[in-house]
């Protein structure tokens, strides 16, 4: 995967993590996860749709993450994407192959549409539509 594709995928993962932070009173351990799977046959699948834009500006290559004491009481939900994302194509489809937290057992598709891409400095503006089925 070339550098712009890796950057685009990294940015999407960071955005999805930031968007999908959900509050939880307690962390789930192995016993709670096992109980969740035992009750899975009773669960109905949920459909989640996300639509957002992001700007990948390459003027600063450093990544900074902030944390706070509030984050200690949250559980992060994550969608896992796997596939090629060639930024030279105006529209790309990347499969969702799993997830965690509220996105457990997720399946779906993320569609990227590039509105702007500068090949000299790799700056871009991308629209993202995500459709995920999860339990």
N, C-alpha and C. Protein backbone atom coordinates (compact mmCIF):
# COMPACT_ATOMS: atom_id res chain seq x y z
N UNK A 1 0.85 -1.17 0.00
CA UNK A 1 0.00 0.00 0.00
C UNK A 1 0.90 1.23 0.00
N UNK A 2 0.62 2.20 -0.87
CA UNK A 2 1.45 3.39 -0.95
C UNK A 2 1.16 4.32 0.22
N UNK A 3 2.02 5.31 0.37
CA UNK A 3 1.95 6.22 1.52
C UNK A 3 0.61 6.97 1.63
N UNK A 4 0.07 7.52 0.54
CA UNK A 4 -1.23 8.20 0.66
C UNK A 4 -2.35 7.25 1.11
N UNK A 5 -2.33 6.01 0.62
CA UNK A 5 -3.36 5.05 1.02
C UNK A 5 -3.25 4.72 2.50
N UNK A 6 -2.03 4.53 2.98
CA UNK A 6 -1.83 4.24 4.40
C UNK A 6 -2.30 5.41 5.26
N UNK A 7 -1.97 6.62 4.82
CA UNK A 7 -2.36 7.81 5.57
C UNK A 7 -3.88 7.93 5.62
N UNK A 8 -4.53 7.71 4.49
CA UNK A 8 -5.98 7.81 4.44
C UNK A 8 -6.62 6.78 5.36
N UNK A 9 -6.12 5.56 5.36
CA UNK A 9 -6.66 4.51 6.22
C UNK A 9 -6.43 4.86 7.69
N UNK A 10 -5.23 5.34 8.04
CA UNK A 10 -4.94 5.72 9.41
C UNK A 10 -5.89 6.83 9.87
N UNK A 11 -6.10 7.82 9.01
CA UNK A 11 -6.99 8.93 9.37
C UNK A 11 -8.41 8.43 9.60
N UNK A 12 -8.88 7.51 8.77
CA UNK A 12 -10.22 6.97 8.95
C UNK A 12 -10.35 6.24 10.28
N UNK A 13 -9.35 5.44 10.61
CA UNK A 13 -9.40 4.71 11.88
C UNK A 13 -9.42 5.67 13.05
N UNK A 14 -8.59 6.70 13.02
CA UNK A 14 -8.56 7.69 14.10
C UNK A 14 -9.91 8.40 14.21
N UNK A 15 -10.51 8.75 13.09
CA UNK A 15 -11.80 9.43 13.10
C UNK A 15 -12.88 8.51 13.65
N UNK A 16 -12.90 7.26 13.23
CA UNK A 16 -13.92 6.33 13.72
C UNK A 16 -13.78 6.08 15.21
N UNK A 17 -12.54 5.99 15.69
CA UNK A 17 -12.35 5.84 17.13
C UNK A 17 -12.89 7.06 17.87
N UNK A 18 -12.56 8.23 17.37
CA UNK A 18 -13.03 9.45 18.02
C UNK A 18 -14.54 9.57 17.98
N UNK A 19 -15.16 9.12 16.88
CA UNK A 19 -16.62 9.23 16.75
C UNK A 19 -17.35 8.20 17.59
N UNK A 20 -16.72 7.07 17.86
CA UNK A 20 -17.44 5.95 18.44
C UNK A 20 -17.12 5.70 19.91
N UNK A 21 -16.67 6.71 20.64
CA UNK A 21 -16.43 6.54 22.06
C UNK A 21 -17.79 6.53 22.77
N UNK A 22 -18.07 5.46 23.47
CA UNK A 22 -19.35 5.33 24.16
C UNK A 22 -19.11 5.16 25.65
N UNK A 23 -20.06 5.63 26.47
CA UNK A 23 -19.92 5.55 27.91
C UNK A 23 -20.27 4.15 28.40
N UNK A 24 -19.56 3.70 29.39
CA UNK A 24 -19.81 2.39 29.98
C UNK A 24 -19.55 2.48 31.47
N UNK A 25 -20.44 1.89 32.28
CA UNK A 25 -20.26 1.92 33.72
C UNK A 25 -19.17 0.98 34.18
N UNK A 26 -18.93 -0.11 33.45
CA UNK A 26 -17.88 -1.03 33.81
C UNK A 26 -17.28 -1.63 32.56
N UNK A 27 -16.04 -2.09 32.70
CA UNK A 27 -15.39 -2.74 31.57
C UNK A 27 -15.84 -4.19 31.53
N UNK A 28 -15.96 -4.74 30.33
CA UNK A 28 -16.36 -6.12 30.18
C UNK A 28 -15.14 -7.01 30.22
N UNK A 29 -15.18 -7.99 31.08
CA UNK A 29 -14.12 -8.97 31.16
C UNK A 29 -14.49 -10.20 30.36
N UNK A 30 -13.66 -11.25 30.41
CA UNK A 30 -13.93 -12.46 29.65
C UNK A 30 -15.28 -13.10 29.97
N UNK A 31 -15.67 -13.06 31.23
CA UNK A 31 -16.95 -13.68 31.62
C UNK A 31 -18.13 -12.94 30.99
N UNK A 32 -18.08 -11.61 30.99
CA UNK A 32 -19.16 -10.82 30.40
C UNK A 32 -19.23 -11.01 28.88
N UNK A 33 -18.06 -11.11 28.25
CA UNK A 33 -18.03 -11.33 26.81
C UNK A 33 -18.61 -12.70 26.47
N UNK A 34 -18.26 -13.71 27.26
CA UNK A 34 -18.80 -15.05 27.05
C UNK A 34 -20.32 -15.05 27.19
N UNK A 35 -20.84 -14.37 28.21
CA UNK A 35 -22.30 -14.26 28.38
C UNK A 35 -22.94 -13.55 27.20
N UNK A 36 -22.26 -12.53 26.68
CA UNK A 36 -22.78 -11.80 25.52
C UNK A 36 -22.93 -12.76 24.34
N UNK A 37 -21.91 -13.59 24.10
CA UNK A 37 -21.98 -14.54 22.99
C UNK A 37 -23.05 -15.60 23.22
N UNK A 38 -23.26 -16.03 24.46
CA UNK A 38 -24.30 -17.01 24.75
C UNK A 38 -25.68 -16.46 24.44
N UNK A 39 -25.88 -15.16 24.60
CA UNK A 39 -27.17 -14.52 24.33
C UNK A 39 -27.29 -13.98 22.90
N UNK A 40 -26.27 -14.22 22.08
CA UNK A 40 -26.25 -13.66 20.73
C UNK A 40 -27.41 -14.17 19.88
N UNK A 41 -27.83 -15.41 20.08
CA UNK A 41 -28.92 -15.95 19.27
C UNK A 41 -30.22 -15.18 19.49
N UNK A 42 -30.34 -14.48 20.62
CA UNK A 42 -31.54 -13.69 20.91
C UNK A 42 -31.42 -12.25 20.39
N UNK A 43 -30.22 -11.86 20.01
CA UNK A 43 -29.98 -10.47 19.61
C UNK A 43 -30.42 -10.22 18.17
N UNK A 44 -30.86 -9.00 17.92
CA UNK A 44 -31.22 -8.59 16.57
C UNK A 44 -30.09 -7.70 16.04
N UNK A 45 -29.73 -7.88 14.77
CA UNK A 45 -28.67 -7.03 14.22
C UNK A 45 -29.11 -5.57 14.14
N UNK A 46 -28.14 -4.68 14.34
CA UNK A 46 -28.38 -3.24 14.24
C UNK A 46 -27.65 -2.73 13.01
N UNK A 47 -28.17 -1.70 12.40
CA UNK A 47 -27.53 -1.08 11.25
C UNK A 47 -27.12 0.34 11.62
N UNK A 48 -25.85 0.64 11.44
CA UNK A 48 -25.34 1.98 11.73
C UNK A 48 -24.81 2.59 10.45
N UNK A 49 -25.20 3.85 10.22
CA UNK A 49 -24.70 4.59 9.06
C UNK A 49 -23.95 5.81 9.56
N UNK A 50 -22.75 6.01 9.04
CA UNK A 50 -21.94 7.17 9.38
C UNK A 50 -21.63 7.91 8.09
N UNK A 51 -21.67 9.23 8.14
CA UNK A 51 -21.32 10.05 6.99
C UNK A 51 -20.52 11.23 7.50
N UNK A 52 -19.31 11.40 6.97
CA UNK A 52 -18.47 12.51 7.40
C UNK A 52 -17.45 12.81 6.32
N UNK A 53 -16.78 13.94 6.49
CA UNK A 53 -15.70 14.36 5.60
C UNK A 53 -14.44 14.50 6.44
N UNK A 54 -13.30 14.29 5.82
CA UNK A 54 -12.07 14.64 6.52
C UNK A 54 -11.08 15.25 5.55
N UNK A 55 -10.24 16.08 6.13
CA UNK A 55 -9.20 16.76 5.37
C UNK A 55 -7.86 16.23 5.86
N UNK A 56 -7.11 15.64 4.97
CA UNK A 56 -5.79 15.13 5.29
C UNK A 56 -4.79 16.17 4.82
N UNK A 57 -4.34 17.00 5.75
CA UNK A 57 -3.40 18.08 5.42
C UNK A 57 -2.01 17.67 5.87
N UNK A 58 -1.06 17.67 4.97
CA UNK A 58 0.27 17.15 5.23
C UNK A 58 1.27 18.22 5.64
N UNK A 59 0.84 19.32 6.15
CA UNK A 59 1.79 20.34 6.57
C UNK A 59 2.46 19.98 7.87
N UNK A 60 1.89 19.03 8.64
CA UNK A 60 2.49 18.61 9.91
C UNK A 60 2.39 17.10 9.99
N UNK A 61 3.53 16.42 10.00
CA UNK A 61 3.54 14.96 10.01
C UNK A 61 3.46 14.37 11.41
N UNK A 62 3.44 15.19 12.43
CA UNK A 62 3.36 14.66 13.78
C UNK A 62 1.91 14.38 14.14
N UNK A 63 1.69 13.34 14.91
CA UNK A 63 0.36 12.97 15.36
C UNK A 63 0.33 13.16 16.87
N UNK A 64 -0.69 13.84 17.35
CA UNK A 64 -0.80 14.02 18.79
C UNK A 64 -2.16 13.48 19.24
N UNK A 65 -2.13 12.70 20.30
CA UNK A 65 -3.35 12.18 20.89
C UNK A 65 -3.47 12.73 22.29
N UNK A 66 -4.65 13.13 22.66
CA UNK A 66 -4.85 13.66 24.00
C UNK A 66 -5.68 12.67 24.80
N UNK A 67 -5.45 12.67 26.09
CA UNK A 67 -6.26 11.82 26.96
C UNK A 67 -6.63 12.63 28.19
N UNK A 68 -7.65 12.17 28.87
CA UNK A 68 -8.07 12.83 30.09
C UNK A 68 -8.55 11.78 31.06
N UNK A 69 -8.78 12.19 32.30
CA UNK A 69 -9.27 11.23 33.29
C UNK A 69 -10.66 10.73 32.92
N UNK A 70 -11.41 11.52 32.13
CA UNK A 70 -12.74 11.09 31.68
C UNK A 70 -12.66 9.83 30.83
N UNK A 71 -11.58 9.68 30.07
CA UNK A 71 -11.43 8.51 29.20
C UNK A 71 -11.33 7.22 30.00
N UNK A 72 -10.98 7.29 31.26
CA UNK A 72 -10.89 6.08 32.07
C UNK A 72 -12.25 5.43 32.26
N UNK A 73 -13.33 6.18 32.12
CA UNK A 73 -14.66 5.63 32.33
C UNK A 73 -15.39 5.37 31.02
N UNK A 74 -14.65 5.27 29.93
CA UNK A 74 -15.29 5.02 28.64
C UNK A 74 -14.78 3.74 28.02
N UNK A 75 -15.57 3.24 27.10
CA UNK A 75 -15.17 2.07 26.33
C UNK A 75 -15.11 2.49 24.87
N UNK A 76 -14.05 2.15 24.20
CA UNK A 76 -13.89 2.55 22.80
C UNK A 76 -14.50 1.50 21.90
N UNK A 77 -15.25 1.95 20.92
CA UNK A 77 -15.81 1.06 19.90
C UNK A 77 -15.07 1.34 18.61
N UNK A 78 -14.72 0.28 17.91
CA UNK A 78 -13.88 0.41 16.74
C UNK A 78 -14.40 -0.44 15.60
N UNK A 79 -14.41 0.12 14.40
CA UNK A 79 -14.69 -0.65 13.19
C UNK A 79 -13.36 -1.01 12.55
N UNK A 80 -13.24 -2.25 12.07
CA UNK A 80 -12.01 -2.71 11.45
C UNK A 80 -12.22 -2.81 9.94
N UNK A 81 -11.41 -2.07 9.19
CA UNK A 81 -11.48 -2.09 7.73
C UNK A 81 -10.25 -2.80 7.19
N UNK A 82 -10.44 -3.52 6.09
CA UNK A 82 -9.33 -4.25 5.49
C UNK A 82 -9.49 -4.19 3.99
N UNK A 83 -8.48 -3.69 3.31
CA UNK A 83 -8.56 -3.66 1.85
C UNK A 83 -7.73 -2.51 1.30
N UNK A 84 -7.64 -2.48 -0.02
CA UNK A 84 -6.90 -1.42 -0.67
C UNK A 84 -7.72 -0.15 -0.74
N UNK A 85 -7.01 0.97 -0.70
CA UNK A 85 -7.66 2.27 -0.79
C UNK A 85 -6.81 3.15 -1.70
N UNK A 86 -6.78 2.85 -2.99
CA UNK A 86 -5.94 3.64 -3.91
C UNK A 86 -6.52 5.03 -4.11
N UNK A 87 -5.84 6.04 -3.58
CA UNK A 87 -6.38 7.40 -3.59
C UNK A 87 -6.48 8.00 -4.99
N UNK A 88 -5.80 7.40 -5.97
CA UNK A 88 -5.91 7.94 -7.32
C UNK A 88 -7.26 7.62 -7.97
N UNK A 89 -8.03 6.71 -7.37
CA UNK A 89 -9.38 6.41 -7.84
C UNK A 89 -10.35 7.36 -7.15
N UNK A 90 -11.28 7.96 -7.87
CA UNK A 90 -12.18 8.95 -7.24
C UNK A 90 -13.13 8.33 -6.21
N UNK A 91 -13.55 7.08 -6.41
CA UNK A 91 -14.44 6.40 -5.47
C UNK A 91 -13.87 5.04 -5.16
N UNK A 92 -13.77 4.71 -3.85
CA UNK A 92 -13.24 3.43 -3.42
C UNK A 92 -14.17 2.80 -2.41
N UNK A 93 -14.24 1.48 -2.42
CA UNK A 93 -15.05 0.73 -1.46
C UNK A 93 -14.12 -0.18 -0.67
N UNK A 94 -14.19 -0.08 0.66
CA UNK A 94 -13.34 -0.88 1.54
C UNK A 94 -14.26 -1.67 2.48
N UNK A 95 -14.06 -2.99 2.59
CA UNK A 95 -14.94 -3.79 3.44
C UNK A 95 -14.67 -3.60 4.92
N UNK A 96 -15.73 -3.66 5.71
CA UNK A 96 -15.63 -3.68 7.17
C UNK A 96 -15.67 -5.16 7.56
N UNK A 97 -14.63 -5.62 8.24
CA UNK A 97 -14.49 -7.04 8.53
C UNK A 97 -14.62 -7.39 10.01
N UNK A 98 -14.94 -6.42 10.84
CA UNK A 98 -15.09 -6.69 12.27
C UNK A 98 -15.20 -5.40 13.05
N UNK A 99 -15.24 -5.56 14.36
CA UNK A 99 -15.33 -4.39 15.22
C UNK A 99 -15.27 -4.79 16.67
N UNK A 100 -15.28 -3.79 17.53
CA UNK A 100 -15.26 -4.03 18.97
C UNK A 100 -16.23 -3.07 19.64
N UNK A 101 -16.47 -3.30 20.94
CA UNK A 101 -17.41 -2.45 21.67
C UNK A 101 -18.81 -2.60 21.09
N UNK A 102 -19.48 -1.49 20.84
CA UNK A 102 -20.83 -1.55 20.28
C UNK A 102 -20.82 -2.06 18.84
N UNK A 103 -19.66 -2.13 18.21
CA UNK A 103 -19.55 -2.63 16.85
C UNK A 103 -19.08 -4.09 16.80
N UNK A 104 -19.32 -4.84 17.85
CA UNK A 104 -18.91 -6.25 17.88
C UNK A 104 -19.51 -7.01 16.70
N UNK A 105 -18.69 -7.85 16.06
CA UNK A 105 -19.08 -8.68 14.92
C UNK A 105 -19.59 -7.86 13.74
N UNK A 106 -19.04 -6.68 13.55
CA UNK A 106 -19.50 -5.80 12.47
C UNK A 106 -19.11 -6.33 11.09
N UNK A 107 -20.00 -6.11 10.15
CA UNK A 107 -19.78 -6.36 8.73
C UNK A 107 -20.35 -5.18 7.98
N UNK A 108 -19.71 -4.79 6.91
CA UNK A 108 -20.25 -3.68 6.15
C UNK A 108 -19.28 -3.15 5.13
N UNK A 109 -19.48 -1.89 4.77
CA UNK A 109 -18.71 -1.26 3.71
C UNK A 109 -18.47 0.21 4.06
N UNK A 110 -17.27 0.68 3.75
CA UNK A 110 -16.95 2.10 3.82
C UNK A 110 -16.66 2.56 2.39
N UNK A 111 -17.31 3.61 1.95
CA UNK A 111 -17.11 4.14 0.60
C UNK A 111 -16.45 5.51 0.74
N UNK A 112 -15.28 5.65 0.10
CA UNK A 112 -14.53 6.90 0.12
C UNK A 112 -14.69 7.59 -1.22
N UNK A 113 -14.97 8.89 -1.20
CA UNK A 113 -15.05 9.68 -2.42
C UNK A 113 -14.12 10.87 -2.27
N UNK A 114 -13.13 10.95 -3.12
CA UNK A 114 -12.16 12.04 -3.05
C UNK A 114 -12.69 13.26 -3.78
N UNK A 115 -12.74 14.38 -3.07
CA UNK A 115 -13.14 15.64 -3.67
C UNK A 115 -11.94 16.45 -4.14
N UNK A 116 -10.84 16.27 -3.43
CA UNK A 116 -9.63 17.00 -3.78
C UNK A 116 -8.44 16.15 -3.37
N UNK A 117 -7.43 16.06 -4.25
CA UNK A 117 -6.19 15.38 -3.91
C UNK A 117 -5.05 16.05 -4.65
N UNK A 118 -4.03 16.47 -3.92
CA UNK A 118 -2.86 17.11 -4.49
C UNK A 118 -1.71 16.11 -4.45
N UNK A 119 -1.28 15.63 -5.60
CA UNK A 119 -0.24 14.61 -5.65
C UNK A 119 1.12 15.12 -5.20
N UNK A 120 1.36 16.42 -5.23
CA UNK A 120 2.67 16.92 -4.83
C UNK A 120 2.85 16.95 -3.31
N UNK A 121 1.80 17.26 -2.56
CA UNK A 121 1.95 17.29 -1.11
C UNK A 121 0.99 16.34 -0.38
N UNK A 122 0.20 15.57 -1.13
CA UNK A 122 -0.72 14.56 -0.60
C UNK A 122 -1.85 15.11 0.26
N UNK A 123 -2.13 16.40 0.17
CA UNK A 123 -3.29 16.96 0.86
C UNK A 123 -4.55 16.48 0.16
N UNK A 124 -5.60 16.18 0.95
CA UNK A 124 -6.82 15.69 0.32
C UNK A 124 -8.04 16.03 1.16
N UNK A 125 -9.19 16.01 0.49
CA UNK A 125 -10.50 16.13 1.13
C UNK A 125 -11.30 14.93 0.67
N UNK A 126 -11.81 14.16 1.64
CA UNK A 126 -12.47 12.89 1.34
C UNK A 126 -13.81 12.81 2.05
N UNK A 127 -14.83 12.38 1.32
CA UNK A 127 -16.13 12.08 1.91
C UNK A 127 -16.15 10.59 2.23
N UNK A 128 -16.69 10.25 3.40
CA UNK A 128 -16.75 8.85 3.81
C UNK A 128 -18.19 8.50 4.18
N UNK A 129 -18.70 7.42 3.59
CA UNK A 129 -20.01 6.86 3.94
C UNK A 129 -19.77 5.45 4.44
N UNK A 130 -20.25 5.17 5.64
CA UNK A 130 -20.06 3.86 6.26
C UNK A 130 -21.42 3.26 6.55
N UNK A 131 -21.59 1.99 6.18
CA UNK A 131 -22.78 1.23 6.55
C UNK A 131 -22.28 -0.04 7.21
N UNK A 132 -22.67 -0.26 8.47
CA UNK A 132 -22.19 -1.42 9.22
C UNK A 132 -23.34 -2.10 9.94
N UNK A 133 -23.39 -3.43 9.82
CA UNK A 133 -24.33 -4.23 10.58
C UNK A 133 -23.55 -4.83 11.75
N UNK A 134 -24.13 -4.74 12.94
CA UNK A 134 -23.44 -5.24 14.14
C UNK A 134 -24.50 -5.66 15.16
N UNK A 135 -24.04 -6.24 16.27
CA UNK A 135 -24.96 -6.73 17.31
C UNK A 135 -24.78 -5.95 18.59
